[in-house]
Amino acid sequence: MDVGGRLRAVREARGLSQRQLARKAGISNATVSQIESNAINPSVGALKRILDAVPMPLADFFATGEAPAKVFYRAGELTEIGRGGVSYRQVGTDLTGKALQILTERYQPGADSGRIPLKHQGEEAGVIIRGELEVTVGDQRAVLGPGDAYYFSSAEPHRFRNVGAEPCELVSVCTPPSF
């Protein structure tokens, strides 16, 4: 996917200049310009922060307009919305009007959700399937392993990081879809 071109189209559709978007997202104008020209690839956390300023959920950013009647999804049909060392595979593509977002997540060793903590409206929960994941919510931090779970208000600043030596896999849910 042409992330830079898609960001430019979204920004222009909202009537925002690069400078306005940068100011709202708390980043430099040069960063927006470099992303739009595909000179740099933003982390998922950085892209989420930029899209929160639009506002637009990550799911909508990557949506391709699937048929609304789809009920079953094979493993190969999940929509990849991650980048770099983090894979977020979403059930469905267009979550417009939906109340729930389900992801299978995979963090490579040392990978994280981004330097800047995520923060948005709603709730999040997840269950670790394999590996270890450090979850930080506000001033609380825990390393979770297989079978462990988390559940919190997404309005709290939060961050995820694989602190183990092997990939970490989990299934998560977010309501409303905002990631």
N, C-alpha and C. Protein backbone atom coordinates (compact mmCIF):
# COMPACT_ATOMS: atom_id res chain seq x y z
N MET A 1 0.84 -1.19 0.00
CA MET A 1 0.00 0.00 0.00
C MET A 1 0.88 1.24 0.00
N ASP A 2 0.46 2.24 -0.73
CA ASP A 2 1.15 3.54 -0.77
C ASP A 2 0.67 4.37 0.43
N VAL A 3 1.33 4.20 1.58
CA VAL A 3 0.93 4.87 2.81
C VAL A 3 0.99 6.39 2.65
N GLY A 4 2.06 6.88 2.03
CA GLY A 4 2.21 8.32 1.84
C GLY A 4 1.11 8.91 0.98
N GLY A 5 0.80 8.24 -0.13
CA GLY A 5 -0.27 8.72 -1.01
C GLY A 5 -1.62 8.67 -0.33
N ARG A 6 -1.84 7.61 0.44
CA ARG A 6 -3.12 7.49 1.16
C ARG A 6 -3.25 8.59 2.20
N LEU A 7 -2.14 8.87 2.94
CA LEU A 7 -2.19 9.94 3.94
C LEU A 7 -2.47 11.28 3.27
N ARG A 8 -1.82 11.55 2.15
CA ARG A 8 -2.04 12.81 1.44
C ARG A 8 -3.51 12.93 1.02
N ALA A 9 -4.08 11.83 0.49
CA ALA A 9 -5.48 11.85 0.06
C ALA A 9 -6.42 12.11 1.24
N VAL A 10 -6.15 11.46 2.37
CA VAL A 10 -6.98 11.65 3.57
C VAL A 10 -6.87 13.10 4.05
N ARG A 11 -5.64 13.61 4.12
CA ARG A 11 -5.41 14.98 4.59
C ARG A 11 -6.14 15.98 3.69
N GLU A 12 -5.98 15.82 2.38
CA GLU A 12 -6.60 16.75 1.44
C GLU A 12 -8.13 16.65 1.48
N ALA A 13 -8.65 15.42 1.66
CA ALA A 13 -10.10 15.25 1.75
C ALA A 13 -10.68 15.96 2.97
N ARG A 14 -9.87 16.10 4.01
CA ARG A 14 -10.29 16.79 5.24
C ARG A 14 -10.01 18.29 5.16
N GLY A 15 -9.41 18.75 4.05
CA GLY A 15 -9.13 20.17 3.88
C GLY A 15 -8.01 20.68 4.75
N LEU A 16 -7.07 19.81 5.10
CA LEU A 16 -5.95 20.21 5.96
C LEU A 16 -4.68 20.38 5.14
N SER A 17 -3.90 21.39 5.51
CA SER A 17 -2.57 21.53 4.92
C SER A 17 -1.63 20.61 5.70
N GLN A 18 -0.44 20.38 5.15
CA GLN A 18 0.55 19.58 5.88
C GLN A 18 0.87 20.24 7.22
N ARG A 19 0.99 21.54 7.20
CA ARG A 19 1.32 22.27 8.42
C ARG A 19 0.21 22.12 9.47
N GLN A 20 -1.06 22.22 9.05
CA GLN A 20 -2.17 22.07 9.99
C GLN A 20 -2.21 20.67 10.59
N LEU A 21 -2.02 19.66 9.74
CA LEU A 21 -2.02 18.28 10.24
C LEU A 21 -0.87 18.07 11.21
N ALA A 22 0.31 18.57 10.87
CA ALA A 22 1.48 18.42 11.74
C ALA A 22 1.23 19.05 13.10
N ARG A 23 0.66 20.24 13.10
CA ARG A 23 0.38 20.94 14.36
C ARG A 23 -0.61 20.14 15.21
N LYS A 24 -1.70 19.66 14.58
CA LYS A 24 -2.71 18.89 15.31
C LYS A 24 -2.15 17.58 15.86
N ALA A 25 -1.20 16.97 15.13
CA ALA A 25 -0.63 15.68 15.55
C ALA A 25 0.56 15.84 16.49
N GLY A 26 1.06 17.07 16.61
CA GLY A 26 2.20 17.31 17.48
C GLY A 26 3.52 16.82 16.91
N ILE A 27 3.62 16.88 15.58
CA ILE A 27 4.86 16.48 14.91
C ILE A 27 5.30 17.61 13.98
N SER A 28 6.46 17.46 13.36
CA SER A 28 6.95 18.51 12.48
C SER A 28 6.29 18.43 11.10
N ASN A 29 6.22 19.56 10.44
CA ASN A 29 5.71 19.63 9.08
C ASN A 29 6.58 18.77 8.16
N ALA A 30 7.89 18.77 8.41
CA ALA A 30 8.82 17.98 7.59
C ALA A 30 8.50 16.49 7.69
N THR A 31 8.08 16.04 8.87
CA THR A 31 7.75 14.62 9.04
C THR A 31 6.54 14.26 8.19
N VAL A 32 5.51 15.09 8.20
CA VAL A 32 4.33 14.83 7.38
C VAL A 32 4.73 14.79 5.91
N SER A 33 5.55 15.73 5.49
CA SER A 33 6.01 15.80 4.11
C SER A 33 6.79 14.54 3.72
N GLN A 34 7.68 14.09 4.60
CA GLN A 34 8.48 12.90 4.31
C GLN A 34 7.63 11.64 4.24
N ILE A 35 6.62 11.55 5.11
CA ILE A 35 5.72 10.39 5.06
C ILE A 35 4.93 10.40 3.76
N GLU A 36 4.39 11.56 3.41
CA GLU A 36 3.57 11.65 2.19
C GLU A 36 4.38 11.38 0.93
N SER A 37 5.66 11.66 0.95
CA SER A 37 6.50 11.39 -0.23
C SER A 37 7.13 10.01 -0.14
N ASN A 38 6.75 9.23 0.88
CA ASN A 38 7.27 7.89 1.12
C ASN A 38 8.78 7.86 1.34
N ALA A 39 9.32 8.98 1.82
CA ALA A 39 10.75 9.05 2.15
C ALA A 39 11.02 8.34 3.47
N ILE A 40 10.02 8.32 4.36
CA ILE A 40 10.12 7.57 5.61
C ILE A 40 8.83 6.80 5.82
N ASN A 41 8.93 5.70 6.55
CA ASN A 41 7.76 4.90 6.90
C ASN A 41 7.47 5.12 8.38
N PRO A 42 6.29 5.62 8.71
CA PRO A 42 5.98 5.85 10.13
C PRO A 42 5.74 4.53 10.85
N SER A 43 6.04 4.50 12.14
CA SER A 43 5.66 3.35 12.96
C SER A 43 4.14 3.35 13.06
N VAL A 44 3.58 2.24 13.49
CA VAL A 44 2.13 2.17 13.67
C VAL A 44 1.67 3.20 14.68
N GLY A 45 2.45 3.36 15.76
CA GLY A 45 2.09 4.35 16.79
C GLY A 45 2.09 5.76 16.24
N ALA A 46 3.11 6.09 15.42
CA ALA A 46 3.18 7.43 14.83
C ALA A 46 2.03 7.66 13.86
N LEU A 47 1.74 6.65 13.02
CA LEU A 47 0.64 6.80 12.07
C LEU A 47 -0.68 6.95 12.82
N LYS A 48 -0.87 6.19 13.91
CA LYS A 48 -2.09 6.32 14.69
C LYS A 48 -2.22 7.72 15.26
N ARG A 49 -1.13 8.27 15.76
CA ARG A 49 -1.15 9.63 16.33
C ARG A 49 -1.54 10.65 15.26
N ILE A 50 -1.00 10.49 14.07
CA ILE A 50 -1.33 11.39 12.96
C ILE A 50 -2.80 11.25 12.59
N LEU A 51 -3.27 10.02 12.49
CA LEU A 51 -4.67 9.78 12.11
C LEU A 51 -5.65 10.23 13.19
N ASP A 52 -5.22 10.17 14.46
CA ASP A 52 -6.07 10.68 15.54
C ASP A 52 -6.32 12.17 15.37
N ALA A 53 -5.38 12.88 14.76
CA ALA A 53 -5.52 14.32 14.53
C ALA A 53 -6.47 14.62 13.39
N VAL A 54 -6.77 13.63 12.54
CA VAL A 54 -7.62 13.86 11.36
C VAL A 54 -9.09 14.07 11.74
N PRO A 55 -9.82 13.32 12.51
CA PRO A 55 -9.57 12.01 13.08
C PRO A 55 -10.02 10.90 12.14
N MET A 56 -9.29 9.77 12.21
CA MET A 56 -9.62 8.59 11.40
C MET A 56 -8.98 7.36 12.04
N PRO A 57 -9.76 6.29 12.27
CA PRO A 57 -9.18 5.06 12.81
C PRO A 57 -8.23 4.41 11.80
N LEU A 58 -7.22 3.72 12.29
CA LEU A 58 -6.29 2.99 11.42
C LEU A 58 -7.05 2.04 10.51
N ALA A 59 -8.08 1.40 11.03
CA ALA A 59 -8.86 0.45 10.24
C ALA A 59 -9.44 1.12 9.00
N ASP A 60 -9.97 2.33 9.15
CA ASP A 60 -10.52 3.05 8.00
C ASP A 60 -9.43 3.47 7.03
N PHE A 61 -8.26 3.81 7.56
CA PHE A 61 -7.14 4.22 6.72
C PHE A 61 -6.75 3.09 5.76
N PHE A 62 -6.78 1.84 6.27
CA PHE A 62 -6.38 0.70 5.46
C PHE A 62 -7.56 -0.01 4.80
N ALA A 63 -8.79 0.50 4.97
CA ALA A 63 -9.99 -0.16 4.44
C ALA A 63 -9.97 -0.18 2.91
N THR A 64 -10.45 -1.30 2.37
CA THR A 64 -10.54 -1.45 0.92
C THR A 64 -11.98 -1.59 0.44
N GLY A 65 -12.95 -1.56 1.35
CA GLY A 65 -14.36 -1.59 0.97
C GLY A 65 -14.90 -2.97 0.69
N GLU A 66 -14.80 -3.89 1.64
CA GLU A 66 -15.31 -5.24 1.45
C GLU A 66 -16.84 -5.26 1.50
N ALA A 67 -17.41 -6.34 1.03
CA ALA A 67 -18.86 -6.51 1.07
C ALA A 67 -19.32 -6.61 2.52
N PRO A 68 -20.40 -5.89 2.91
CA PRO A 68 -20.82 -5.88 4.31
C PRO A 68 -21.37 -7.21 4.82
N ALA A 69 -21.77 -8.13 3.92
CA ALA A 69 -22.40 -9.37 4.34
C ALA A 69 -21.38 -10.45 4.73
N LYS A 70 -20.11 -10.20 4.62
CA LYS A 70 -19.10 -11.21 4.92
C LYS A 70 -19.15 -11.57 6.40
N VAL A 71 -19.16 -12.88 6.68
CA VAL A 71 -19.27 -13.37 8.04
C VAL A 71 -18.03 -14.14 8.46
N PHE A 72 -17.46 -14.93 7.56
CA PHE A 72 -16.32 -15.79 7.89
C PHE A 72 -15.06 -15.30 7.18
N TYR A 73 -13.95 -15.40 7.87
CA TYR A 73 -12.67 -14.93 7.34
C TYR A 73 -11.62 -16.03 7.51
N ARG A 74 -11.01 -16.44 6.44
CA ARG A 74 -9.91 -17.39 6.50
C ARG A 74 -8.65 -16.64 6.92
N ALA A 75 -7.68 -17.36 7.44
CA ALA A 75 -6.44 -16.73 7.94
C ALA A 75 -5.81 -15.81 6.89
N GLY A 76 -5.81 -16.21 5.65
CA GLY A 76 -5.21 -15.41 4.59
C GLY A 76 -6.01 -14.18 4.20
N GLU A 77 -7.23 -14.05 4.71
CA GLU A 77 -8.09 -12.91 4.38
C GLU A 77 -8.02 -11.79 5.41
N LEU A 78 -7.30 -12.00 6.52
CA LEU A 78 -7.20 -10.94 7.51
C LEU A 78 -6.39 -9.78 6.93
N THR A 79 -6.79 -8.57 7.26
CA THR A 79 -6.19 -7.36 6.71
C THR A 79 -4.99 -6.94 7.54
N GLU A 80 -3.82 -6.88 6.93
CA GLU A 80 -2.60 -6.45 7.62
C GLU A 80 -2.60 -4.93 7.72
N ILE A 81 -2.53 -4.42 8.97
CA ILE A 81 -2.46 -2.97 9.17
C ILE A 81 -1.22 -2.58 9.95
N GLY A 82 -0.31 -3.53 10.17
CA GLY A 82 0.92 -3.24 10.91
C GLY A 82 2.07 -2.88 9.99
N ARG A 83 3.19 -2.51 10.61
CA ARG A 83 4.39 -2.15 9.87
C ARG A 83 5.60 -2.53 10.70
N GLY A 84 6.70 -2.80 10.01
CA GLY A 84 7.95 -3.07 10.72
C GLY A 84 7.89 -4.37 11.50
N GLY A 85 8.34 -4.34 12.75
CA GLY A 85 8.41 -5.52 13.59
C GLY A 85 7.11 -5.91 14.25
N VAL A 86 6.01 -5.19 13.92
CA VAL A 86 4.71 -5.49 14.53
C VAL A 86 3.71 -5.78 13.42
N SER A 87 3.03 -6.91 13.54
CA SER A 87 1.98 -7.27 12.61
C SER A 87 0.65 -7.20 13.32
N TYR A 88 -0.28 -6.43 12.76
CA TYR A 88 -1.65 -6.38 13.25
C TYR A 88 -2.52 -6.91 12.12
N ARG A 89 -3.12 -8.07 12.30
CA ARG A 89 -3.99 -8.64 11.27
C ARG A 89 -5.42 -8.52 11.78
N GLN A 90 -6.20 -7.72 11.07
CA GLN A 90 -7.56 -7.36 11.49
C GLN A 90 -8.60 -8.26 10.84
N VAL A 91 -9.61 -8.64 11.61
CA VAL A 91 -10.74 -9.37 11.07
C VAL A 91 -11.62 -8.36 10.34
N GLY A 92 -11.73 -8.48 9.01
CA GLY A 92 -12.49 -7.54 8.19
C GLY A 92 -11.62 -6.39 7.73
N THR A 93 -12.15 -5.63 6.80
CA THR A 93 -11.40 -4.48 6.29
C THR A 93 -12.08 -3.16 6.61
N ASP A 94 -13.32 -3.02 6.26
CA ASP A 94 -14.03 -1.77 6.50
C ASP A 94 -14.86 -1.89 7.76
N LEU A 95 -14.41 -1.27 8.85
CA LEU A 95 -15.12 -1.37 10.12
C LEU A 95 -16.00 -0.15 10.38
N THR A 96 -16.27 0.63 9.35
CA THR A 96 -17.13 1.79 9.49
C THR A 96 -18.49 1.36 10.04
N GLY A 97 -18.91 1.98 11.13
CA GLY A 97 -20.20 1.66 11.73
C GLY A 97 -20.18 0.43 12.63
N LYS A 98 -19.04 -0.22 12.75
CA LYS A 98 -18.93 -1.41 13.60
C LYS A 98 -18.58 -1.00 15.03
N ALA A 99 -18.92 -1.85 15.99
CA ALA A 99 -18.66 -1.54 17.39
C ALA A 99 -17.41 -2.22 17.92
N LEU A 100 -16.85 -3.17 17.16
CA LEU A 100 -15.79 -4.02 17.68
C LEU A 100 -14.69 -4.21 16.64
N GLN A 101 -13.45 -4.24 17.10
CA GLN A 101 -12.31 -4.51 16.23
C GLN A 101 -11.52 -5.66 16.85
N ILE A 102 -11.27 -6.71 16.06
CA ILE A 102 -10.52 -7.88 16.53
C ILE A 102 -9.24 -7.98 15.73
N LEU A 103 -8.12 -8.18 16.45
CA LEU A 103 -6.81 -8.27 15.81
C LEU A 103 -6.06 -9.50 16.30
N THR A 104 -5.29 -10.12 15.41
CA THR A 104 -4.24 -11.03 15.84
C THR A 104 -2.97 -10.22 15.70
N GLU A 105 -2.20 -10.16 16.77
CA GLU A 105 -1.00 -9.33 16.79
C GLU A 105 0.23 -10.20 16.93
N ARG A 106 1.31 -9.77 16.29
CA ARG A 106 2.59 -10.47 16.40
C ARG A 106 3.69 -9.42 16.53
N TYR A 107 4.40 -9.47 17.64
CA TYR A 107 5.52 -8.57 17.91
C TYR A 107 6.82 -9.36 17.81
N GLN A 108 7.73 -8.93 16.95
CA GLN A 108 9.04 -9.55 16.88
C GLN A 108 9.82 -9.18 18.14
N PRO A 109 10.86 -9.94 18.51
CA PRO A 109 11.65 -9.59 19.70
C PRO A 109 12.12 -8.13 19.64
N GLY A 110 11.89 -7.38 20.71
CA GLY A 110 12.29 -5.98 20.79
C GLY A 110 11.32 -5.00 20.15
N ALA A 111 10.35 -5.48 19.39
CA ALA A 111 9.40 -4.59 18.72
C ALA A 111 8.40 -4.02 19.73
N ASP A 112 7.90 -2.81 19.42
CA ASP A 112 6.90 -2.20 20.29
C ASP A 112 5.90 -1.40 19.49
N SER A 113 4.89 -0.90 20.19
CA SER A 113 3.81 -0.15 19.53
C SER A 113 4.20 1.29 19.22
N GLY A 114 5.39 1.70 19.61
CA GLY A 114 5.87 3.05 19.30
C GLY A 114 6.37 3.75 20.55
N ARG A 115 7.24 4.70 20.34
CA ARG A 115 7.85 5.45 21.45
C ARG A 115 6.81 6.27 22.21
N ILE A 116 5.84 6.80 21.49
CA ILE A 116 4.79 7.63 22.10
C ILE A 116 3.62 6.73 22.48
N PRO A 117 3.19 6.76 23.75
CA PRO A 117 2.06 5.91 24.16
C PRO A 117 0.80 6.22 23.36
N LEU A 118 0.02 5.17 23.11
CA LEU A 118 -1.26 5.32 22.42
C LEU A 118 -2.30 5.79 23.42
N LYS A 119 -3.33 6.47 22.92
CA LYS A 119 -4.40 6.97 23.78
C LYS A 119 -5.60 7.28 22.88
N HIS A 120 -6.73 6.69 23.18
CA HIS A 120 -7.95 6.92 22.40
C HIS A 120 -9.15 6.49 23.22
N GLN A 121 -10.34 6.79 22.77
CA GLN A 121 -11.55 6.44 23.50
C GLN A 121 -11.84 4.96 23.33
N GLY A 122 -12.47 4.36 24.33
CA GLY A 122 -12.90 2.98 24.23
C GLY A 122 -12.23 2.08 25.24
N GLU A 123 -12.29 0.78 24.95
CA GLU A 123 -11.70 -0.24 25.81
C GLU A 123 -10.88 -1.20 24.95
N GLU A 124 -9.88 -1.82 25.58
CA GLU A 124 -9.05 -2.81 24.91
C GLU A 124 -8.88 -4.01 25.82
N ALA A 125 -8.77 -5.17 25.20
CA ALA A 125 -8.49 -6.40 25.94
C ALA A 125 -7.70 -7.31 25.03
N GLY A 126 -6.94 -8.20 25.63
CA GLY A 126 -6.17 -9.15 24.84
C GLY A 126 -5.73 -10.33 25.66
N VAL A 127 -5.40 -11.42 24.96
CA VAL A 127 -4.91 -12.64 25.58
C VAL A 127 -3.63 -13.04 24.86
N ILE A 128 -2.56 -13.26 25.63
CA ILE A 128 -1.28 -13.66 25.07
C ILE A 128 -1.36 -15.14 24.71
N ILE A 129 -0.98 -15.46 23.48
CA ILE A 129 -1.00 -16.85 23.01
C ILE A 129 0.39 -17.47 23.13
N ARG A 130 1.43 -16.69 22.77
CA ARG A 130 2.80 -17.19 22.76
C ARG A 130 3.76 -16.05 23.02
N GLY A 131 4.84 -16.30 23.74
CA GLY A 131 5.85 -15.29 23.98
C GLY A 131 5.54 -14.43 25.19
N GLU A 132 6.25 -13.30 25.28
CA GLU A 132 6.08 -12.37 26.39
C GLU A 132 5.83 -10.97 25.86
N LEU A 133 4.93 -10.26 26.53
CA LEU A 133 4.60 -8.89 26.14
C LEU A 133 4.57 -8.01 27.37
N GLU A 134 5.35 -6.93 27.33
CA GLU A 134 5.29 -5.93 28.39
C GLU A 134 4.17 -4.96 28.02
N VAL A 135 3.21 -4.82 28.92
CA VAL A 135 2.08 -3.92 28.69
C VAL A 135 2.16 -2.81 29.74
N THR A 136 2.17 -1.57 29.26
CA THR A 136 2.19 -0.41 30.15
C THR A 136 0.88 0.34 29.96
N VAL A 137 0.16 0.57 31.05
CA VAL A 137 -1.09 1.33 31.03
C VAL A 137 -0.99 2.36 32.14
N GLY A 138 -0.92 3.64 31.75
CA GLY A 138 -0.73 4.70 32.75
C GLY A 138 0.59 4.46 33.45
N ASP A 139 0.56 4.35 34.78
CA ASP A 139 1.80 4.11 35.53
C ASP A 139 1.93 2.64 35.96
N GLN A 140 1.08 1.76 35.39
CA GLN A 140 1.16 0.33 35.68
C GLN A 140 1.86 -0.40 34.54
N ARG A 141 2.68 -1.38 34.92
CA ARG A 141 3.43 -2.15 33.91
C ARG A 141 3.49 -3.60 34.36
N ALA A 142 3.31 -4.51 33.39
CA ALA A 142 3.42 -5.94 33.69
C ALA A 142 3.95 -6.66 32.45
N VAL A 143 4.69 -7.73 32.68
CA VAL A 143 5.12 -8.62 31.60
C VAL A 143 4.18 -9.81 31.63
N LEU A 144 3.48 -10.02 30.51
CA LEU A 144 2.47 -11.08 30.42
C LEU A 144 2.98 -12.20 29.52
N GLY A 145 2.60 -13.43 29.86
CA GLY A 145 2.98 -14.60 29.09
C GLY A 145 1.76 -15.37 28.63
N PRO A 146 1.96 -16.54 28.01
CA PRO A 146 0.85 -17.33 27.47
C PRO A 146 -0.27 -17.55 28.48
N GLY A 147 -1.48 -17.24 28.07
CA GLY A 147 -2.66 -17.39 28.92
C GLY A 147 -2.98 -16.16 29.74
N ASP A 148 -2.00 -15.25 29.91
CA ASP A 148 -2.26 -14.01 30.65
C ASP A 148 -3.06 -13.06 29.77
N ALA A 149 -3.73 -12.10 30.38
CA ALA A 149 -4.60 -11.19 29.64
C ALA A 149 -4.55 -9.79 30.22
N TYR A 150 -5.07 -8.84 29.46
CA TYR A 150 -5.20 -7.46 29.92
C TYR A 150 -6.56 -6.93 29.49
N TYR A 151 -7.05 -5.92 30.21
CA TYR A 151 -8.32 -5.26 29.89
C TYR A 151 -8.24 -3.89 30.52
N PHE A 152 -8.39 -2.82 29.73
CA PHE A 152 -8.27 -1.47 30.27
C PHE A 152 -9.01 -0.46 29.42
N SER A 153 -9.19 0.73 29.98
CA SER A 153 -9.76 1.86 29.25
C SER A 153 -8.67 2.42 28.34
N SER A 154 -8.98 2.52 27.05
CA SER A 154 -8.00 3.02 26.08
C SER A 154 -7.71 4.50 26.24
N ALA A 155 -8.48 5.19 27.08
CA ALA A 155 -8.21 6.60 27.33
C ALA A 155 -6.94 6.78 28.15
N GLU A 156 -6.50 5.70 28.81
CA GLU A 156 -5.23 5.72 29.54
C GLU A 156 -4.09 5.56 28.54
N PRO A 157 -3.01 6.32 28.68
CA PRO A 157 -1.86 6.14 27.79
C PRO A 157 -1.34 4.70 27.93
N HIS A 158 -1.10 4.04 26.79
CA HIS A 158 -0.68 2.65 26.84
C HIS A 158 0.34 2.32 25.76
N ARG A 159 1.12 1.28 26.04
CA ARG A 159 2.20 0.89 25.13
C ARG A 159 2.43 -0.61 25.29
N PHE A 160 2.82 -1.26 24.18
CA PHE A 160 3.08 -2.69 24.17
C PHE A 160 4.50 -2.91 23.65
N ARG A 161 5.23 -3.88 24.28
CA ARG A 161 6.60 -4.14 23.85
C ARG A 161 6.95 -5.60 24.10
N ASN A 162 7.54 -6.25 23.09
CA ASN A 162 8.00 -7.62 23.26
C ASN A 162 9.35 -7.59 23.97
N VAL A 163 9.39 -8.10 25.19
CA VAL A 163 10.63 -8.12 25.96
C VAL A 163 11.28 -9.50 25.94
N GLY A 164 10.68 -10.44 25.22
CA GLY A 164 11.20 -11.80 25.17
C GLY A 164 12.14 -12.02 23.99
N ALA A 165 12.67 -13.23 23.91
CA ALA A 165 13.62 -13.61 22.86
C ALA A 165 12.93 -14.24 21.65
N GLU A 166 11.63 -14.47 21.73
CA GLU A 166 10.89 -15.06 20.62
C GLU A 166 9.70 -14.15 20.27
N PRO A 167 9.13 -14.34 19.08
CA PRO A 167 7.95 -13.51 18.74
C PRO A 167 6.83 -13.71 19.76
N CYS A 168 6.09 -12.65 19.99
CA CYS A 168 4.93 -12.70 20.88
C CYS A 168 3.67 -12.62 20.02
N GLU A 169 2.74 -13.52 20.27
CA GLU A 169 1.48 -13.54 19.53
C GLU A 169 0.33 -13.40 20.52
N LEU A 170 -0.67 -12.61 20.13
CA LEU A 170 -1.83 -12.43 20.98
C LEU A 170 -3.06 -12.12 20.12
N VAL A 171 -4.21 -12.25 20.74
CA VAL A 171 -5.46 -11.86 20.12
C VAL A 171 -6.00 -10.72 20.95
N SER A 172 -6.38 -9.61 20.28
CA SER A 172 -6.86 -8.45 21.02
C SER A 172 -8.18 -7.96 20.43
N VAL A 173 -8.87 -7.17 21.24
CA VAL A 173 -10.12 -6.57 20.80
C VAL A 173 -10.15 -5.12 21.29
N CYS A 174 -10.72 -4.27 20.47
CA CYS A 174 -10.83 -2.85 20.79
C CYS A 174 -12.25 -2.42 20.45
N THR A 175 -12.85 -1.67 21.34
CA THR A 175 -14.17 -1.14 21.06
C THR A 175 -14.23 0.31 21.50
N PRO A 176 -14.71 1.20 20.66
CA PRO A 176 -15.04 1.01 19.25
C PRO A 176 -13.76 0.87 18.44
N PRO A 177 -13.89 0.42 17.17
CA PRO A 177 -12.69 0.31 16.33
C PRO A 177 -12.01 1.67 16.23
N SER A 178 -10.77 1.73 16.65
CA SER A 178 -10.08 3.01 16.61
C SER A 178 -8.60 2.84 16.31
N PHE A 179 -8.19 1.62 16.11
CA PHE A 179 -6.76 1.37 15.91
C PHE A 179 -6.48 1.00 14.49
